[in-house]
N, C-alpha and C. Protein backbone atom coordinates (compact mmCIF):
# COMPACT_ATOMS: atom_id res chain seq x y z
N MET A 1 155.44 -0.23 33.39
CA MET A 1 155.98 0.72 32.45
C MET A 1 155.44 1.86 32.74
N ILE A 2 154.26 2.37 33.17
CA ILE A 2 153.65 3.67 33.55
C ILE A 2 154.43 4.76 34.95
N TYR A 3 154.93 3.45 35.53
CA TYR A 3 155.86 4.10 37.28
C TYR A 3 156.99 4.70 36.44
N GLN A 4 157.77 4.03 35.91
CA GLN A 4 159.21 4.23 35.04
C GLN A 4 158.80 5.34 34.35
N TYR A 5 158.01 5.59 33.51
CA TYR A 5 158.03 6.92 33.12
C TYR A 5 157.55 8.02 33.85
N MET A 6 156.81 7.78 34.51
CA MET A 6 156.39 8.74 36.11
C MET A 6 157.97 9.13 36.72
N ARG A 7 158.83 8.44 36.88
CA ARG A 7 160.36 8.16 37.75
C ARG A 7 160.87 9.23 36.93
N PHE A 8 160.77 8.48 35.50
CA PHE A 8 161.93 9.84 34.27
C PHE A 8 161.35 11.36 34.25
N ILE A 9 159.75 11.34 34.70
CA ILE A 9 159.76 12.94 35.11
C ILE A 9 159.76 13.83 36.17
N PHE A 10 159.15 12.77 37.22
CA PHE A 10 159.93 12.98 38.65
C PHE A 10 161.30 12.24 39.17
N PRO A 11 162.30 13.08 38.70
CA PRO A 11 163.82 12.15 39.12
C PRO A 11 164.05 12.37 40.67
N ALA A 12 164.95 11.82 41.17
CA ALA A 12 165.43 12.33 42.57
C ALA A 12 165.47 13.66 43.14
N GLY A 13 165.31 14.28 44.01
CA GLY A 13 165.53 15.49 44.20
C GLY A 13 164.41 16.31 44.43
N TYR A 14 163.46 15.93 43.56
CA TYR A 14 161.97 16.73 43.48
C TYR A 14 161.23 17.28 44.87
N SER A 15 160.34 18.18 44.56
CA SER A 15 160.31 19.00 46.13
C SER A 15 158.67 17.99 46.47
N ARG A 16 158.19 18.00 48.05
CA ARG A 16 157.04 17.46 48.25
C ARG A 16 156.04 18.04 47.47
N ASN A 17 155.61 19.03 46.30
CA ASN A 17 154.71 18.95 46.23
C ASN A 17 154.54 18.09 44.75
N GLN A 18 155.49 18.13 44.14
CA GLN A 18 155.42 17.24 43.66
C GLN A 18 155.88 15.47 43.58
N GLU A 19 156.04 15.43 44.74
CA GLU A 19 156.03 13.87 45.79
C GLU A 19 154.69 13.60 45.58
N GLY A 20 153.48 15.06 45.61
CA GLY A 20 151.93 14.89 46.46
C GLY A 20 151.35 14.71 44.22
N VAL A 21 152.25 15.21 43.96
CA VAL A 21 151.33 14.76 42.23
C VAL A 21 151.89 13.74 41.93
N LEU A 22 152.88 13.10 42.54
CA LEU A 22 153.76 11.55 41.65
C LEU A 22 152.71 11.06 42.07
N MET A 23 151.94 10.93 43.17
CA MET A 23 151.27 10.22 44.17
C MET A 23 149.90 10.21 43.36
N LYS A 24 149.50 11.05 43.34
CA LYS A 24 148.17 11.39 42.82
C LYS A 24 148.19 10.45 41.13
N ALA A 25 149.33 10.48 40.56
CA ALA A 25 149.43 10.59 38.96
C ALA A 25 149.65 8.31 39.60
N LYS A 26 150.26 7.78 40.38
CA LYS A 26 150.12 6.88 40.82
C LYS A 26 148.79 6.35 40.87
N CYS A 27 148.43 6.83 41.82
CA CYS A 27 147.05 6.33 42.04
C CYS A 27 145.95 6.40 40.99
N SER A 28 145.93 7.30 39.64
CA SER A 28 145.00 7.33 38.59
C SER A 28 145.52 6.36 37.35
N ALA A 29 147.33 5.89 37.68
CA ALA A 29 147.92 5.26 36.63
C ALA A 29 146.60 3.43 37.73
N ARG A 30 146.78 3.73 38.54
CA ARG A 30 146.24 1.83 38.83
C ARG A 30 144.88 1.76 38.94
N LEU A 31 144.21 3.07 39.17
CA LEU A 31 142.59 3.07 38.49
C LEU A 31 142.16 2.84 37.21
N LEU A 32 143.09 3.35 36.24
CA LEU A 32 143.28 3.22 35.30
C LEU A 32 143.27 1.66 34.70
N LEU A 33 144.90 1.01 35.27
CA LEU A 33 145.24 -0.35 35.12
C LEU A 33 143.77 -0.99 35.24
N HIS A 34 143.04 -1.00 36.51
CA HIS A 34 141.91 -1.92 36.74
C HIS A 34 140.91 -1.32 35.87
N MET A 35 140.37 -0.51 35.62
CA MET A 35 139.31 -0.14 34.29
C MET A 35 140.23 -0.65 32.74
N ILE A 36 140.96 -1.31 32.93
CA ILE A 36 141.51 -1.71 31.55
C ILE A 36 141.09 -3.35 31.46
N GLY A 37 141.79 -3.26 32.63
CA GLY A 37 141.40 -5.04 33.64
C GLY A 37 139.93 -5.00 33.46
N ALA A 38 139.14 -4.71 34.02
CA ALA A 38 137.69 -4.94 33.44
C ALA A 38 136.94 -5.19 32.81
N VAL A 39 137.42 -3.84 31.76
CA VAL A 39 136.78 -4.12 30.05
C VAL A 39 137.25 -5.11 29.37
N MET A 40 138.12 -5.65 29.67
CA MET A 40 139.01 -6.96 28.75
C MET A 40 138.13 -8.17 29.46
N ALA A 41 138.33 -8.20 30.81
CA ALA A 41 137.45 -9.27 30.81
C ALA A 41 136.17 -9.57 31.36
N LEU A 42 135.29 -8.49 30.73
CA LEU A 42 133.72 -8.07 29.87
C LEU A 42 133.92 -8.37 28.59
N LEU A 43 134.68 -8.08 27.48
CA LEU A 43 134.81 -8.72 26.96
C LEU A 43 135.11 -10.21 26.61
N SER A 44 136.40 -10.22 26.88
CA SER A 44 136.60 -12.01 27.19
C SER A 44 135.26 -12.58 27.61
N HIS A 45 134.58 -12.31 28.88
CA HIS A 45 133.46 -13.25 29.31
C HIS A 45 131.80 -13.00 27.86
N GLN A 46 131.92 -12.26 27.21
CA GLN A 46 131.00 -12.01 26.10
C GLN A 46 131.36 -13.13 24.78
N ASN A 47 133.23 -12.61 24.44
CA ASN A 47 133.48 -13.62 23.65
C ASN A 47 132.71 -15.00 24.15
N ALA A 48 132.95 -15.65 25.25
CA ALA A 48 132.97 -17.05 25.94
C ALA A 48 131.59 -17.50 25.72
N SER A 49 130.70 -16.57 26.17
CA SER A 49 129.68 -16.85 26.37
C SER A 49 128.88 -16.69 24.61
N ALA A 50 129.15 -16.29 23.45
CA ALA A 50 128.71 -16.58 22.53
C ALA A 50 128.50 -17.65 22.58
N GLY A 51 127.49 -18.09 21.92
CA GLY A 51 126.87 -19.56 21.40
C GLY A 51 127.82 -19.89 20.54
N GLN A 52 127.80 -21.34 20.37
CA GLN A 52 127.95 -21.82 19.04
C GLN A 52 127.04 -22.35 18.28
N LEU A 53 127.68 -21.77 17.35
CA LEU A 53 126.32 -21.39 15.98
C LEU A 53 125.89 -23.09 15.71
N GLN A 54 125.05 -23.27 15.24
CA GLN A 54 124.82 -25.00 14.60
C GLN A 54 123.91 -24.61 13.61
N VAL A 55 124.10 -25.16 12.55
CA VAL A 55 122.67 -25.78 11.67
C VAL A 55 122.33 -27.21 11.83
N SER A 56 120.83 -26.72 11.57
CA SER A 56 120.20 -28.20 11.69
C SER A 56 119.32 -28.00 10.91
N ALA A 57 118.65 -29.04 9.77
CA ALA A 57 117.78 -29.65 8.88
C ALA A 57 117.12 -30.82 9.30
N ASP A 58 116.99 -31.48 10.60
CA ASP A 58 117.08 -32.73 11.02
C ASP A 58 115.17 -32.63 11.48
N PHE A 59 114.67 -32.03 10.87
CA PHE A 59 113.33 -31.53 11.18
C PHE A 59 112.39 -32.05 10.34
N ASP A 60 111.10 -31.61 9.79
CA ASP A 60 109.78 -32.17 8.54
C ASP A 60 110.53 -30.82 8.15
N ASN A 61 110.33 -31.50 6.58
CA ASN A 61 110.53 -29.74 5.91
C ASN A 61 112.08 -29.42 5.49
N GLY A 62 113.11 -30.60 6.45
CA GLY A 62 114.38 -29.55 6.61
C GLY A 62 115.19 -30.50 5.70
N ARG A 63 116.31 -29.44 4.82
CA ARG A 63 117.20 -29.83 4.02
C ARG A 63 118.12 -28.83 3.79
N VAL A 64 119.37 -29.21 3.77
CA VAL A 64 120.59 -28.62 3.80
C VAL A 64 121.82 -29.59 3.65
N LYS A 65 122.95 -28.43 3.23
CA LYS A 65 124.15 -29.06 3.14
C LYS A 65 125.04 -27.94 3.94
N VAL A 66 125.32 -28.02 5.06
CA VAL A 66 126.34 -27.00 5.51
C VAL A 66 127.79 -27.00 4.69
N ILE A 67 128.46 -25.98 4.64
CA ILE A 67 129.70 -26.28 4.09
C ILE A 67 130.96 -25.61 4.71
N ASN A 68 130.13 -24.48 5.56
CA ASN A 68 130.95 -24.17 6.71
C ASN A 68 130.29 -23.31 7.91
N ILE A 69 130.83 -23.33 9.03
CA ILE A 69 130.76 -22.49 10.13
C ILE A 69 132.06 -22.13 10.51
N ASP A 70 131.53 -20.91 10.71
CA ASP A 70 133.03 -19.80 10.84
C ASP A 70 132.21 -18.98 11.83
N GLN A 71 132.74 -19.95 13.23
CA GLN A 71 132.32 -19.04 14.59
C GLN A 71 133.24 -17.79 15.41
N GLN A 72 134.56 -17.30 14.40
CA GLN A 72 134.96 -16.33 14.71
C GLN A 72 134.09 -14.87 13.85
N THR A 73 133.63 -15.16 12.87
CA THR A 73 133.64 -14.18 12.27
C THR A 73 131.74 -13.93 12.31
N ARG A 74 131.15 -15.58 12.74
CA ARG A 74 130.01 -15.35 12.82
C ARG A 74 128.89 -15.50 11.35
N THR A 75 129.76 -16.59 10.23
CA THR A 75 129.09 -16.65 9.01
C THR A 75 129.08 -18.03 9.27
N ILE A 76 127.89 -17.97 8.20
CA ILE A 76 127.56 -19.43 7.93
C ILE A 76 127.12 -19.93 6.16
N GLU A 77 127.72 -20.49 5.56
CA GLU A 77 127.97 -21.34 4.08
C GLU A 77 127.31 -22.46 4.13
N THR A 78 125.91 -22.20 3.19
CA THR A 78 125.47 -23.36 3.52
C THR A 78 124.76 -23.77 1.44
N THR A 79 124.76 -25.12 1.18
CA THR A 79 124.12 -25.20 -0.15
C THR A 79 123.17 -26.67 -0.12
N ILE A 80 122.53 -26.92 -1.13
CA ILE A 80 121.34 -27.60 -1.36
C ILE A 80 122.64 -29.03 -1.31
N PRO A 81 121.59 -29.95 -0.44
CA PRO A 81 122.07 -31.68 -0.40
C PRO A 81 122.76 -32.01 -1.66
N ASP A 82 123.59 -32.74 -1.92
CA ASP A 82 124.08 -33.46 -3.38
C ASP A 82 122.89 -35.23 -3.29
N ASP A 83 121.59 -34.81 -4.13
CA ASP A 83 120.63 -36.23 -4.24
C ASP A 83 120.25 -36.20 -5.73
N ASN A 84 119.34 -36.71 -5.42
CA ASN A 84 118.76 -37.14 -6.91
C ASN A 84 118.27 -35.96 -7.88
N HIS A 85 117.87 -34.96 -6.82
CA HIS A 85 116.89 -33.55 -7.57
C HIS A 85 117.59 -32.89 -7.46
N THR A 86 118.95 -32.70 -7.21
CA THR A 86 119.32 -31.32 -7.03
C THR A 86 119.83 -30.70 -8.19
N GLN A 87 119.88 -31.23 -9.67
CA GLN A 87 120.46 -30.79 -10.74
C GLN A 87 118.62 -30.13 -11.31
N HIS A 88 117.80 -30.63 -10.45
CA HIS A 88 116.34 -30.37 -11.10
C HIS A 88 116.18 -28.93 -10.35
N THR A 89 115.88 -27.84 -11.48
CA THR A 89 115.50 -26.24 -11.05
C THR A 89 114.40 -25.93 -9.99
N GLN A 90 113.43 -27.24 -9.90
CA GLN A 90 112.03 -27.09 -9.20
C GLN A 90 112.43 -27.68 -8.00
N MET A 91 113.63 -28.52 -8.24
CA MET A 91 113.79 -28.93 -6.57
C MET A 91 114.75 -28.67 -5.82
N ARG A 92 115.35 -27.41 -5.81
CA ARG A 92 116.44 -26.76 -5.43
C ARG A 92 115.74 -26.05 -3.92
N TYR A 93 115.04 -26.39 -3.64
CA TYR A 93 114.40 -26.59 -2.10
C TYR A 93 115.64 -26.23 -0.99
N TRP A 94 115.26 -25.40 -0.16
CA TRP A 94 116.51 -26.02 1.17
C TRP A 94 115.31 -24.99 2.37
N HIS A 95 115.49 -25.74 3.55
CA HIS A 95 114.88 -24.93 4.74
C HIS A 95 115.55 -25.61 6.11
N TYR A 96 115.87 -24.47 6.65
CA TYR A 96 117.12 -25.73 7.83
C TYR A 96 116.81 -24.31 8.55
N ARG A 97 117.49 -24.37 10.12
CA ARG A 97 117.44 -23.78 11.34
C ARG A 97 119.00 -23.25 11.94
N ILE A 98 119.40 -22.34 12.53
CA ILE A 98 119.93 -21.78 13.10
C ILE A 98 120.22 -21.65 14.71
N ASN A 99 120.75 -22.27 15.34
CA ASN A 99 120.95 -22.55 16.61
C ASN A 99 122.38 -21.74 17.19
N GLY A 100 122.21 -21.28 18.39
CA GLY A 100 123.19 -19.85 19.31
C GLY A 100 123.43 -18.92 18.75
N ILE A 101 122.84 -18.18 18.29
CA ILE A 101 122.82 -16.93 18.09
C ILE A 101 122.79 -15.96 19.02
N THR A 102 123.16 -15.02 19.41
CA THR A 102 123.47 -14.49 20.12
C THR A 102 122.33 -12.90 20.08
N PRO A 103 121.19 -13.26 20.20
CA PRO A 103 120.05 -11.55 19.78
C PRO A 103 120.84 -10.54 19.49
N GLY A 104 120.74 -10.25 18.19
CA GLY A 104 121.05 -8.70 18.39
C GLY A 104 122.46 -8.96 17.10
N GLU A 105 123.08 -10.13 17.65
CA GLU A 105 124.85 -9.88 16.49
C GLU A 105 123.98 -10.35 15.51
N LEU A 106 125.67 -9.48 14.30
CA LEU A 106 125.11 -9.43 13.23
C LEU A 106 125.96 -11.39 12.06
N ILE A 107 125.06 -11.62 12.32
CA ILE A 107 125.29 -13.09 11.28
C ILE A 107 125.25 -13.49 9.78
N THR A 108 125.92 -13.89 9.57
CA THR A 108 126.53 -13.36 7.70
C THR A 108 125.84 -14.57 7.21
N ILE A 109 125.04 -14.56 6.10
CA ILE A 109 124.42 -16.09 5.45
C ILE A 109 124.59 -15.86 4.04
N LYS A 110 125.34 -17.29 3.61
CA LYS A 110 125.50 -17.68 2.35
C LYS A 110 125.31 -18.82 1.66
N HIS A 111 124.61 -18.73 0.97
CA HIS A 111 123.86 -19.92 0.12
C HIS A 111 124.23 -20.50 -0.81
N SER A 112 124.28 -20.80 -1.92
CA SER A 112 124.41 -21.16 -2.50
C SER A 112 123.63 -22.72 -3.74
N PRO A 113 123.21 -23.20 -4.78
CA PRO A 113 123.04 -21.24 -5.58
C PRO A 113 122.15 -20.31 -5.52
N SER A 114 122.22 -19.61 -5.50
CA SER A 114 121.41 -18.31 -4.97
C SER A 114 120.62 -17.97 -6.34
N THR A 115 119.44 -16.56 -6.14
CA THR A 115 118.64 -16.12 -6.87
C THR A 115 118.13 -14.81 -6.49
N THR A 116 118.73 -13.72 -7.86
CA THR A 116 117.80 -12.96 -7.56
C THR A 116 116.66 -12.41 -7.51
N SER A 117 116.15 -13.87 -7.72
CA SER A 117 114.47 -13.65 -8.05
C SER A 117 113.79 -13.55 -6.83
N LEU A 118 114.33 -14.05 -5.57
CA LEU A 118 113.46 -14.61 -4.57
C LEU A 118 114.09 -13.35 -3.56
N TYR A 119 113.22 -12.84 -2.45
CA TYR A 119 113.19 -12.63 -1.18
C TYR A 119 113.41 -13.51 0.16
N TYR A 120 114.24 -14.10 0.42
CA TYR A 120 114.22 -15.11 1.03
C TYR A 120 113.79 -14.95 2.07
N ALA A 121 113.16 -15.58 3.09
CA ALA A 121 112.34 -15.97 4.23
C ALA A 121 112.55 -16.03 5.53
N TYR A 122 112.49 -15.95 6.95
CA TYR A 122 113.27 -16.27 8.11
C TYR A 122 111.78 -16.07 9.04
N SER A 123 112.23 -17.20 9.87
CA SER A 123 111.11 -17.46 11.24
C SER A 123 111.46 -17.92 12.10
N TYR A 124 111.02 -17.19 13.69
CA TYR A 124 111.34 -17.60 14.72
C TYR A 124 111.16 -18.78 15.45
N ASP A 125 109.74 -18.95 14.94
CA ASP A 125 108.75 -20.22 15.12
C ASP A 125 108.38 -21.13 14.29
N GLY A 126 108.74 -20.69 13.34
CA GLY A 126 107.88 -21.66 11.93
C GLY A 126 106.58 -21.55 11.94
N LYS A 127 106.55 -20.45 12.36
CA LYS A 127 105.01 -20.06 11.76
C LYS A 127 104.48 -18.73 11.38
N GLU A 128 105.27 -17.82 12.15
CA GLU A 128 105.27 -16.54 11.37
C GLU A 128 106.25 -15.94 10.68
N TRP A 129 106.43 -15.63 9.22
CA TRP A 129 107.22 -16.16 8.61
C TRP A 129 107.81 -13.70 7.60
N PHE A 130 109.08 -13.82 7.94
CA PHE A 130 109.41 -12.30 7.84
C PHE A 130 110.40 -12.39 6.52
N ARG A 131 110.29 -11.44 5.47
CA ARG A 131 111.07 -11.81 4.48
C ARG A 131 112.60 -10.45 4.84
N PHE A 132 113.72 -10.98 4.05
CA PHE A 132 114.96 -10.33 3.90
C PHE A 132 114.47 -9.03 3.37
N GLY A 133 115.41 -8.09 3.40
CA GLY A 133 115.14 -6.65 2.71
C GLY A 133 115.69 -6.38 1.77
N LYS A 134 116.08 -7.70 1.11
CA LYS A 134 117.22 -7.96 -0.49
C LYS A 134 117.01 -9.00 -1.06
N SER A 135 117.12 -9.53 -2.35
CA SER A 135 116.21 -10.31 -3.03
C SER A 135 117.76 -11.26 -3.13
N GLY A 136 117.46 -12.21 -2.92
CA GLY A 136 118.54 -13.36 -3.08
C GLY A 136 119.32 -13.66 -1.58
N ILE A 137 120.69 -14.06 -1.52
CA ILE A 137 121.02 -14.55 -0.52
C ILE A 137 122.70 -14.82 -0.28
N ASN A 138 123.46 -13.97 -1.00
CA ASN A 138 124.54 -14.37 -1.36
C ASN A 138 125.82 -12.50 -1.11
N PRO A 139 126.01 -11.98 0.15
CA PRO A 139 125.33 -13.02 1.21
C PRO A 139 124.37 -11.54 1.65
N ILE A 140 123.36 -12.62 3.05
CA ILE A 140 122.62 -11.77 3.74
C ILE A 140 123.42 -11.60 5.02
N GLN A 141 123.21 -9.98 6.00
CA GLN A 141 123.97 -10.13 6.95
C GLN A 141 122.46 -9.48 7.69
N HIS A 142 122.40 -10.13 8.82
CA HIS A 142 121.50 -9.78 9.60
C HIS A 142 121.22 -9.60 11.06
N ARG A 143 120.11 -8.92 11.79
CA ARG A 143 120.91 -9.24 13.45
C ARG A 143 119.22 -9.83 13.61
N PHE A 144 119.68 -10.88 13.88
CA PHE A 144 118.31 -12.05 14.82
C PHE A 144 117.98 -11.14 16.16
N ASP A 145 116.70 -11.45 16.48
CA ASP A 145 116.43 -11.46 18.18
C ASP A 145 115.99 -12.38 18.31
N SER A 146 116.13 -13.27 18.26
CA SER A 146 116.30 -14.44 19.04
C SER A 146 117.35 -15.41 18.56
N SER A 147 117.98 -16.20 19.32
CA SER A 147 119.06 -17.48 19.54
C SER A 147 119.28 -18.44 18.75
N SER A 148 117.61 -18.46 17.92
CA SER A 148 117.43 -19.66 17.41
C SER A 148 116.11 -19.08 16.01
N VAL A 149 116.62 -19.60 14.62
CA VAL A 149 115.52 -19.29 13.55
C VAL A 149 115.80 -20.18 12.62
N GLU A 150 114.68 -20.44 12.04
CA GLU A 150 114.45 -20.82 10.46
C GLU A 150 114.73 -20.07 9.19
N LEU A 151 115.18 -20.54 8.02
CA LEU A 151 115.68 -20.32 7.00
C LEU A 151 115.31 -21.02 5.82
N SER A 152 114.50 -20.41 4.88
CA SER A 152 114.05 -20.54 3.81
C SER A 152 113.91 -19.94 2.58
N PRO A 153 113.45 -20.66 1.50
CA PRO A 153 113.80 -19.45 0.02
C PRO A 153 111.76 -19.02 0.29
N ASN A 154 111.07 -19.50 0.91
CA ASN A 154 109.84 -19.39 0.76
C ASN A 154 109.06 -19.37 2.34
N PHE A 155 108.03 -18.97 2.75
CA PHE A 155 107.54 -19.45 3.29
C PHE A 155 107.06 -20.60 3.44
N ALA A 156 108.11 -21.70 5.12
CA ALA A 156 107.89 -22.92 4.57
C ALA A 156 106.30 -23.11 4.78
N TYR A 157 105.84 -24.34 4.32
CA TYR A 157 105.06 -25.13 4.73
C TYR A 157 105.42 -26.07 4.89
N PRO A 158 105.45 -26.86 5.74
CA PRO A 158 105.97 -28.04 5.97
C PRO A 158 104.73 -29.56 6.09
N TYR A 159 105.31 -30.63 5.32
CA TYR A 159 103.74 -31.86 5.29
C TYR A 159 103.08 -31.68 6.90
N SER A 160 103.79 -31.79 7.87
CA SER A 160 103.20 -31.95 8.67
C SER A 160 101.88 -31.04 9.49
N ARG A 161 102.11 -29.77 8.52
CA ARG A 161 101.27 -28.60 8.51
C ARG A 161 99.74 -29.31 7.95
N SER A 162 100.34 -29.59 6.89
CA SER A 162 99.27 -29.88 5.95
C SER A 162 98.22 -30.92 6.23
N ILE A 163 98.81 -32.53 7.26
CA ILE A 163 98.34 -32.91 7.32
C ILE A 163 97.07 -32.75 8.60
N ALA A 164 97.84 -31.91 9.42
CA ALA A 164 97.49 -31.14 10.71
C ALA A 164 95.79 -30.71 10.20
N PHE A 165 96.32 -29.82 9.53
CA PHE A 165 95.05 -29.29 8.73
C PHE A 165 93.79 -29.90 8.05
N CYS A 166 94.14 -30.97 7.42
CA CYS A 166 93.34 -31.54 7.03
C CYS A 166 92.55 -32.53 8.39
N ASP A 167 93.29 -33.18 9.43
CA ASP A 167 92.88 -33.73 10.34
C ASP A 167 91.46 -32.60 10.97
N SER A 168 91.92 -31.42 10.76
CA SER A 168 91.02 -30.94 11.82
C SER A 168 89.80 -30.52 10.55
N ILE A 169 90.15 -30.37 9.92
CA ILE A 169 88.50 -30.18 8.67
C ILE A 169 87.82 -31.67 9.38
N GLU A 170 88.38 -33.13 9.44
CA GLU A 170 87.19 -34.11 9.47
C GLU A 170 87.17 -34.54 11.12
N ALA A 171 87.93 -33.64 11.57
CA ALA A 171 87.29 -33.71 13.04
C ALA A 171 86.34 -32.69 13.49
N LEU A 172 85.31 -32.05 12.76
CA LEU A 172 84.72 -31.26 12.41
C LEU A 172 83.56 -31.83 12.26
N GLY A 173 83.60 -33.49 11.65
CA GLY A 173 82.15 -33.84 11.21
C GLY A 173 81.57 -33.11 10.35
N LEU A 174 81.93 -32.29 9.26
CA LEU A 174 81.10 -31.63 8.45
C LEU A 174 80.69 -32.98 7.40
N ALA A 175 79.13 -32.64 7.20
CA ALA A 175 78.90 -33.47 5.93
C ALA A 175 79.77 -32.79 3.94
N HIS A 176 79.32 -31.36 4.30
CA HIS A 176 80.08 -30.92 2.75
C HIS A 176 81.62 -31.02 2.67
N ALA A 177 82.00 -31.24 3.81
CA ALA A 177 84.07 -30.87 3.54
C ALA A 177 84.39 -32.42 4.03
N GLN A 178 84.86 -33.23 2.99
CA GLN A 178 85.02 -35.14 3.25
C GLN A 178 86.86 -34.58 2.88
N VAL A 179 87.58 -35.12 3.31
CA VAL A 179 89.32 -35.48 3.37
C VAL A 179 89.13 -36.83 2.42
N SER A 180 90.49 -36.91 1.39
CA SER A 180 90.36 -38.18 1.34
C SER A 180 91.87 -38.16 0.67
N THR A 181 92.63 -39.25 0.21
CA THR A 181 93.67 -39.14 -0.34
C THR A 181 94.04 -39.14 -2.03
N LEU A 182 94.37 -38.28 -2.33
CA LEU A 182 94.76 -38.61 -3.34
C LEU A 182 95.73 -38.97 -4.11
N ALA A 183 96.64 -39.29 -3.89
CA ALA A 183 97.64 -39.77 -4.09
C ALA A 183 98.52 -40.45 -3.28
N ILE A 184 99.84 -41.15 -3.88
CA ILE A 184 100.85 -41.58 -2.11
C ILE A 184 102.15 -41.24 -3.02
N SER A 185 103.03 -39.81 -2.53
CA SER A 185 104.38 -39.43 -3.01
C SER A 185 105.58 -40.71 -3.45
N GLU A 186 106.33 -40.26 -3.75
CA GLU A 186 107.51 -41.15 -4.29
C GLU A 186 107.95 -41.33 -3.04
N GLU A 187 108.35 -40.75 -2.10
CA GLU A 187 108.97 -41.79 -0.94
C GLU A 187 107.46 -41.29 0.51
N GLY A 188 106.24 -42.61 -0.56
CA GLY A 188 105.41 -43.37 0.29
C GLY A 188 104.38 -42.18 1.51
N ARG A 189 104.35 -40.84 1.05
CA ARG A 189 103.34 -39.61 1.80
C ARG A 189 102.37 -39.76 1.33
N GLU A 190 101.32 -39.50 1.39
CA GLU A 190 100.21 -39.17 1.09
C GLU A 190 100.04 -37.69 1.02
N VAL A 191 98.79 -37.69 -0.26
CA VAL A 191 98.58 -36.47 -0.88
C VAL A 191 97.12 -36.12 -0.95
N LYS A 192 96.75 -35.62 0.69
CA LYS A 192 95.31 -35.31 0.53
C LYS A 192 94.70 -34.79 -0.12
N MET A 193 93.60 -34.33 -0.37
CA MET A 193 92.92 -33.96 -0.95
C MET A 193 90.80 -33.61 -0.28
N LEU A 194 90.80 -32.15 -0.41
CA LEU A 194 89.80 -31.72 0.29
C LEU A 194 88.39 -31.56 -0.55
N ARG A 195 87.94 -32.57 -0.28
CA ARG A 195 86.40 -31.95 -1.19
C ARG A 195 85.27 -31.07 -1.12
N ILE A 196 84.45 -30.50 -1.05
CA ILE A 196 83.59 -29.67 -0.74
C ILE A 196 82.44 -29.68 -1.77
N THR A 197 81.57 -29.90 -1.54
CA THR A 197 80.50 -29.93 -2.28
C THR A 197 79.30 -30.23 -0.76
N ASP A 198 77.74 -29.95 -1.91
CA ASP A 198 76.65 -30.76 -0.89
C ASP A 198 76.12 -31.47 -1.55
N PRO A 199 76.34 -32.49 -0.07
CA PRO A 199 75.96 -33.94 -1.07
C PRO A 199 74.65 -33.97 -1.28
N SER A 200 73.42 -32.70 -0.66
CA SER A 200 72.02 -33.51 -1.27
C SER A 200 71.58 -33.15 -2.91
N VAL A 201 72.67 -32.56 -3.22
CA VAL A 201 72.63 -32.17 -4.88
C VAL A 201 73.36 -33.42 -5.83
N SER A 202 73.04 -33.47 -6.27
CA SER A 202 73.76 -34.40 -7.56
C SER A 202 74.72 -34.25 -7.88
N ASP A 203 75.80 -34.62 -7.90
CA ASP A 203 77.03 -34.35 -8.64
C ASP A 203 76.74 -33.85 -9.86
N ASP A 204 75.91 -34.81 -10.78
CA ASP A 204 75.50 -34.95 -11.95
C ASP A 204 75.26 -32.70 -12.75
N THR A 205 74.88 -32.35 -11.69
CA THR A 205 74.40 -31.37 -12.01
C THR A 205 75.65 -29.99 -11.68
N LYS A 206 76.36 -30.52 -10.78
CA LYS A 206 77.07 -29.77 -10.99
C LYS A 206 78.49 -29.04 -11.13
N ARG A 207 79.08 -28.04 -11.35
CA ARG A 207 80.94 -27.84 -11.75
C ARG A 207 81.31 -28.46 -10.87
N ILE A 208 82.55 -28.19 -11.74
CA ILE A 208 83.64 -28.69 -10.83
C ILE A 208 85.20 -27.26 -10.34
N VAL A 209 85.50 -26.72 -9.66
CA VAL A 209 86.35 -25.87 -9.70
C VAL A 209 86.87 -26.73 -8.98
N TRP A 210 88.27 -26.49 -9.67
CA TRP A 210 89.87 -26.97 -9.02
C TRP A 210 91.25 -26.24 -8.60
N ILE A 211 91.32 -26.43 -7.26
CA ILE A 211 92.05 -25.45 -6.36
C ILE A 211 93.64 -26.31 -6.23
N GLN A 212 94.25 -25.75 -6.65
CA GLN A 212 95.74 -26.72 -6.25
C GLN A 212 96.73 -25.69 -4.79
N GLY A 213 97.16 -26.59 -3.77
CA GLY A 213 97.51 -25.78 -3.36
C GLY A 213 99.44 -25.15 -3.31
N ARG A 214 99.43 -26.61 -4.33
CA ARG A 214 100.74 -26.51 -4.60
C ARG A 214 101.26 -27.11 -5.98
N GLN A 215 102.06 -26.35 -7.28
CA GLN A 215 102.34 -27.01 -8.10
C GLN A 215 104.20 -27.54 -7.96
N HIS A 216 104.43 -27.21 -7.38
CA HIS A 216 106.18 -26.91 -7.80
C HIS A 216 106.85 -27.50 -6.04
N ALA A 217 107.67 -28.36 -5.81
CA ALA A 217 108.08 -28.20 -4.58
C ALA A 217 108.36 -27.23 -3.40
N PHE A 218 109.64 -26.11 -4.16
CA PHE A 218 109.68 -25.32 -3.90
C PHE A 218 108.52 -23.87 -3.78
N GLU A 219 107.63 -23.69 -3.91
CA GLU A 219 106.74 -23.00 -3.83
C GLU A 219 105.47 -22.79 -2.72
N SER A 220 105.90 -22.73 -1.57
CA SER A 220 105.56 -23.46 -0.64
C SER A 220 104.70 -22.23 0.09
N ALA A 221 104.82 -21.34 -0.26
CA ALA A 221 104.24 -20.30 -0.08
C ALA A 221 102.60 -20.31 -0.48
N SER A 222 102.06 -21.08 -2.06
CA SER A 222 100.94 -21.68 -2.22
C SER A 222 100.34 -22.66 -1.41
N SER A 223 100.59 -23.37 -0.41
CA SER A 223 100.05 -24.40 0.28
C SER A 223 99.16 -23.79 1.38
N PHE A 224 99.30 -22.35 1.30
CA PHE A 224 98.33 -21.63 2.59
C PHE A 224 97.19 -21.37 1.75
N ILE A 225 97.57 -21.39 0.76
CA ILE A 225 96.13 -20.41 -0.04
C ILE A 225 94.67 -21.27 0.13
N PRO A 226 94.82 -23.18 0.65
CA PRO A 226 93.51 -23.97 0.60
C PRO A 226 93.48 -23.40 2.04
N GLU A 227 94.35 -23.14 3.32
CA GLU A 227 93.68 -22.74 5.07
C GLU A 227 92.44 -21.87 4.21
């Protein structure tokens, strides 16, 4: 099409000078076509190399129900699972991992039910957590620095971490720090208790101070306090 357009500009009978101009224009046109082709190939490669977004909750503390994942718009929609605890406001906890992110790309996250009273959190390693800059999550758009990220309404504190912490205390063999089982949860998990006291002093002369790591399930940030 570009060549036909130039033939219209330079019809039969043009001078040698005009012929030279036409040859240069044809070369420039070919170069332009090659550049356009290279750019299109690069864009196609980038789209092909973009990972498929995946949502997983198959890990300790994981809990989510996926509504939709739009690979084109890079949008993820989630909610809480339909179980016996869903309707209880204190049990609306969720925690999941997103894989397949191209670092630096814009990811849109929509979760329901949402609340404006919390600044939800994300982590790349499940240990160090960061807050989003806005409360609620309907929606949140963010550019993550890793191909995998965990999301939670709070700084997540999984059950395995509490067990590992208690095991580390027991391993020290300290006389004044004793770990025991306070209760068994509905799903058969041990609820640990750490008793700190001087065994050489009679309990009859001591006052009791009770420190509780967590009251409600979704208030996971408070579990860091005992550590």
